[in-house]
Amino acid sequence: MIANTKFLEPGTTGEVGFMASRPEGYEFLCTFPSHNVSMLGYFIVSDPATEIAPQRSP
C-alpha cells in the first residue's frame, strides 16, 4: 500500500497524494470489508509531456 485515507462517512470526500517514482499504472481500492468488490480502479502516471485520454470501464 502506497497511501491511504481515513474511513469516510457517506456523502463525504477525501483526498490522498503520493509521489510516483516513475511513469506506470497503479491500482486503487477500498479496503473496507467487501467494498473492494466494486470500489476499485486503475490510473496511469505518465510523463508530463505525454497526454493520455481518460478512459472509463463499463
Protein backbone atom coordinates (compact mmCIF):
# COMPACT_ATOMS: atom_id res chain seq x y z
CA MET A 1 0.00 0.00 0.00
CA ILE A 2 1.46 3.33 -1.07
CA ALA A 3 -1.09 5.67 0.51
CA ASN A 4 -4.46 5.65 2.23
CA THR A 5 -7.20 7.86 3.65
CA LYS A 6 -9.11 7.60 6.89
CA PHE A 7 -12.54 5.95 6.68
CA LEU A 8 -15.03 8.45 5.26
CA GLU A 9 -18.65 8.97 6.20
CA PRO A 10 -21.29 8.53 3.46
CA GLY A 11 -21.59 11.63 1.29
CA THR A 12 -18.13 12.95 2.19
CA THR A 13 -14.96 13.03 0.14
CA GLY A 14 -11.29 12.56 0.82
CA GLU A 15 -8.03 13.16 -0.92
CA VAL A 16 -4.72 11.35 -0.92
CA GLY A 17 -1.48 12.10 -2.71
CA PHE A 18 1.83 10.41 -3.31
CA MET A 19 4.97 10.98 -5.35
CA ALA A 20 5.31 8.47 -8.19
CA SER A 21 8.90 7.43 -8.74
CA ARG A 22 8.34 6.65 -12.43
CA PRO A 23 5.57 6.59 -15.04
CA GLU A 24 3.46 3.45 -14.64
CA GLY A 25 -0.04 2.20 -13.82
CA TYR A 26 -1.43 1.98 -10.29
CA GLU A 27 -4.44 0.12 -8.94
CA PHE A 28 -6.57 1.55 -6.14
CA LEU A 29 -9.32 0.05 -4.00
CA CYS A 30 -11.40 0.48 -0.89
CA THR A 31 -10.08 -1.68 1.97
CA PHE A 32 -13.34 -1.66 3.95
CA PRO A 33 -14.59 -5.29 4.10
CA SER A 34 -16.40 -6.30 0.87
CA HIS A 35 -16.17 -2.78 -0.65
CA ASN A 36 -13.18 -3.77 -2.80
CA VAL A 37 -15.56 -5.79 -4.99
CA SER A 38 -16.89 -2.62 -6.64
CA MET A 39 -14.82 0.26 -5.25
CA LEU A 40 -11.63 -0.12 -7.25
CA GLY A 41 -9.90 1.28 -10.27
CA TYR A 42 -6.68 1.95 -12.11
CA PHE A 43 -4.85 5.12 -13.04
CA ILE A 44 -1.76 5.89 -15.07
CA VAL A 45 1.06 8.22 -14.05
CA SER A 46 2.73 9.50 -17.20
CA ASP A 47 5.44 11.88 -18.23
CA PRO A 48 4.01 15.43 -18.09
CA ALA A 49 4.79 15.85 -21.80
CA THR A 50 2.64 12.79 -22.66
CA GLU A 51 -1.12 13.25 -22.87
CA ILE A 52 -3.32 10.22 -22.24
CA ALA A 53 -7.07 10.45 -22.81
CA PRO A 54 -9.19 9.44 -19.79
CA GLN A 55 -10.80 6.01 -20.05
CA ARG A 56 -13.69 4.56 -18.11
CA SER A 57 -14.53 0.89 -17.66
CA PRO A 58 -18.13 -0.18 -18.17
